[in-house]
Protein backbone atom coordinates (compact mmCIF):
# COMPACT_ATOMS: atom_id res chain seq x y z
CA MET A 1 -0.24 -0.27 -0.14
CA LYS A 2 1.28 3.42 -1.00
CA VAL A 3 0.16 6.40 0.88
CA LEU A 4 0.92 10.05 -0.04
CA ILE A 5 0.95 12.73 2.75
CA VAL A 6 0.94 16.02 2.76
CA SER A 7 0.04 19.35 4.43
CA ASP A 8 0.03 23.08 4.19
CA THR A 9 -0.71 23.32 0.51
CA HIS A 10 -2.20 26.80 0.85
CA GLY A 11 -4.03 26.94 -2.42
CA ARG A 12 -1.05 26.29 -4.48
CA ASN A 13 -2.66 23.23 -5.96
CA TYR A 14 -0.25 23.25 -8.46
CA ASN A 15 2.06 21.46 -6.85
CA LEU A 16 -0.03 18.81 -5.34
CA LEU A 17 -1.44 18.10 -8.79
CA ARG A 18 2.18 17.36 -10.16
CA THR A 19 3.26 15.29 -7.34
CA VAL A 20 0.28 13.17 -7.23
CA GLU A 21 1.11 12.86 -11.12
CA ARG A 22 4.29 11.77 -10.55
CA VAL A 23 3.86 9.41 -7.60
CA SER A 24 0.70 7.82 -8.89
CA PRO A 25 -0.38 4.97 -8.65
CA ILE A 26 -1.55 5.82 -4.62
CA ASP A 27 -4.06 4.10 -2.61
CA LEU A 28 -4.37 6.93 -0.32
CA LEU A 29 -3.76 10.57 -0.04
CA ILE A 30 -3.71 12.28 3.38
CA HIS A 31 -3.94 16.03 3.64
CA LEU A 32 -3.37 17.78 7.01
CA GLY A 33 -4.82 21.00 6.67
CA ASP A 34 -4.30 24.46 5.71
CA TYR A 35 -5.55 23.99 1.93
CA ASP A 36 -7.27 27.16 2.14
CA GLY A 37 -10.27 26.21 -0.03
CA GLY A 38 -8.99 24.26 -2.29
CA GLU A 39 -10.55 21.07 -0.64
CA ASP A 40 -13.32 20.22 -3.56
CA TYR A 41 -10.38 20.67 -6.35
CA ILE A 42 -8.35 18.20 -3.93
CA MET A 43 -11.10 15.51 -3.88
CA SER A 44 -11.64 16.27 -7.71
CA VAL A 45 -8.10 15.60 -8.62
CA THR A 46 -6.93 12.63 -6.27
CA PRO A 47 -7.12 9.39 -8.46
CA CYS A 48 -7.65 7.17 -4.41
CA ARG A 49 -9.10 7.46 -1.54
CA THR A 50 -8.47 10.81 0.30
CA GLU A 51 -9.08 11.59 3.97
CA MET A 52 -8.44 15.28 4.92
CA VAL A 53 -8.96 17.34 8.35
CA SER A 54 -9.16 21.05 8.62
CA GLY A 55 -6.29 23.43 9.55
CA ASN A 56 -6.21 26.70 11.16
CA ASN A 57 -6.84 28.14 7.80
CA ASP A 58 -9.87 26.33 6.79
CA PHE A 59 -12.57 28.16 7.85
CA PHE A 60 -16.61 26.71 7.92
CA ASN A 61 -16.01 23.54 5.44
CA GLY A 62 -17.34 20.98 7.54
CA LEU A 63 -14.83 19.09 7.86
CA PRO A 64 -13.32 17.51 10.90
CA LYS A 65 -10.66 18.70 12.69
CA GLU A 66 -9.57 15.64 14.06
CA LYS A 67 -10.08 12.04 12.41
CA VAL A 68 -9.01 8.08 13.67
CA ILE A 69 -8.30 6.14 11.01
CA GLN A 70 -6.90 2.34 10.09
CA ILE A 71 -4.09 2.26 7.48
CA GLY A 72 -2.91 -1.56 7.25
CA LYS A 73 -2.55 -2.89 11.04
CA TYR A 74 -1.89 0.92 11.95
CA THR A 75 -4.40 3.19 14.15
CA VAL A 76 -3.78 6.82 12.89
CA LEU A 77 -4.45 9.94 14.17
CA LEU A 78 -4.68 12.99 11.74
CA THR A 79 -4.86 16.61 12.81
CA HIS A 80 -3.18 19.32 11.96
CA GLY A 81 -1.38 20.08 14.77
CA HIS A 82 -1.91 23.58 15.42
CA ARG A 83 -3.86 22.90 19.27
CA TYR A 84 -1.17 20.79 20.73
CA GLY A 85 2.19 23.24 20.90
CA VAL A 86 4.26 21.24 18.05
CA TYR A 87 6.38 23.92 17.22
CA TYR A 88 7.96 23.43 20.72
CA THR A 89 7.45 19.67 21.46
CA THR A 90 5.63 16.47 20.07
CA GLN A 91 5.01 15.15 23.55
CA ASP A 92 1.49 16.60 23.59
CA ILE A 93 0.69 15.84 20.27
CA LYS A 94 1.70 12.24 20.96
CA ARG A 95 -0.32 12.13 24.37
CA GLU A 96 -3.43 12.87 22.81
CA ALA A 97 -2.56 10.19 19.82
CA ALA A 98 -2.51 7.86 22.63
CA LYS A 99 -5.74 8.51 23.97
CA TYR A 100 -7.29 7.05 21.02
CA LYS A 101 -4.63 3.93 21.08
CA ALA A 102 -3.03 5.36 17.92
CA ASN A 103 0.41 3.96 16.62
CA ILE A 104 1.08 6.89 14.95
CA VAL A 105 0.20 10.75 14.47
CA MET A 106 0.44 12.55 11.53
CA PHE A 107 0.02 16.55 11.32
CA GLY A 108 0.87 19.29 9.74
CA HIS A 109 1.11 23.45 10.82
CA THR A 110 4.72 24.15 11.18
CA HIS A 111 5.74 23.92 7.37
CA VAL A 112 8.81 21.92 8.51
CA PRO A 113 9.16 17.98 7.62
CA MET A 114 9.64 15.64 10.24
CA ILE A 115 9.11 11.87 10.37
CA ASP A 116 10.25 10.71 14.36
CA LEU A 117 9.97 7.16 14.87
CA SER A 118 11.82 7.10 18.19
CA GLU A 119 9.19 6.34 21.15
CA GLU A 120 5.73 4.43 21.28
CA VAL A 121 3.60 6.44 18.87
CA TRP A 122 5.20 8.36 15.77
CA ALA A 123 4.88 11.42 14.85
CA ILE A 124 5.05 12.28 10.79
CA ASN A 125 5.24 15.56 9.30
CA PRO A 126 5.15 16.03 5.71
CA GLY A 127 6.43 19.85 5.98
CA SER A 128 4.88 21.99 3.51
CA LEU A 129 4.14 21.59 -0.60
CA GLY A 130 3.09 25.45 -0.25
CA LEU A 131 5.10 27.46 1.68
CA PRO A 132 8.26 25.45 3.38
CA ARG A 133 9.85 26.72 6.26
CA GLN A 134 12.99 24.27 6.44
CA ASN A 135 15.98 25.65 5.45
CA ASN A 136 16.22 24.50 2.14
CA HIS A 137 12.45 25.70 1.44
CA ILE A 138 11.91 23.09 -0.86
CA PRO A 139 8.34 22.10 -0.54
CA THR A 140 7.79 18.60 0.56
CA PHE A 141 5.53 15.57 1.19
CA ILE A 142 6.12 11.92 2.65
CA ILE A 143 5.53 8.59 1.16
CA MET A 144 4.24 6.16 3.68
CA ASP A 145 4.71 2.65 2.21
CA ILE A 146 3.43 -0.67 3.61
CA ASP A 147 5.59 -3.55 2.90
CA SER A 148 4.43 -7.20 2.24
CA GLU A 149 4.77 -8.23 5.75
CA GLY A 150 2.21 -4.70 6.51
CA ASN A 151 5.06 -2.81 8.55
CA ALA A 152 5.55 0.88 7.89
CA HIS A 153 8.09 2.44 6.18
CA PHE A 154 8.28 6.47 5.62
CA THR A 155 10.48 8.20 3.11
CA LEU A 156 10.75 12.24 2.83
CA ASN A 157 10.63 13.80 -0.47
CA TYR A 158 11.70 17.02 -1.62
CA TYR A 159 9.16 18.68 -4.64
CA GLN A 160 11.30 19.74 -7.60
CA GLU A 161 9.69 21.58 -10.93
CA ALA A 162 10.44 19.15 -13.61
CA GLU A 163 13.13 20.77 -15.87
CA GLY A 164 11.83 21.54 -19.29
């Protein structure tokens, strides 16, 4: 199973569209919020099941702020992260995930990618496909692959515009 994890596109849907095209086929797209009104467009260009949560810039769209889903053998809490102090620590968001008996929490908000597999609850942040804030300022996304034995593997990827 191949899962594309993105966040913080902030209306810059071209990067998302090109990413979906380049990494397809995918089995699931997860968007962790701050799509700034692009939820209908995102759903229309995604060739697979899509899970989305609202971020702090997504108003009145009716989508949940948090959602628990199952990906293979993993229980996953999806949230934007802005209510958990994620700029400073992941401890609060991991505690919240543990309340749901989640193995993984996926969040955005910081615009900085992170794959933290160091504790009982893993923390995954794909960074931003729209407005990256890490040192190199290249948009990022994460691919989650579930292998034949059911184990998850995460790869941080950098969005690069095709040379022409």
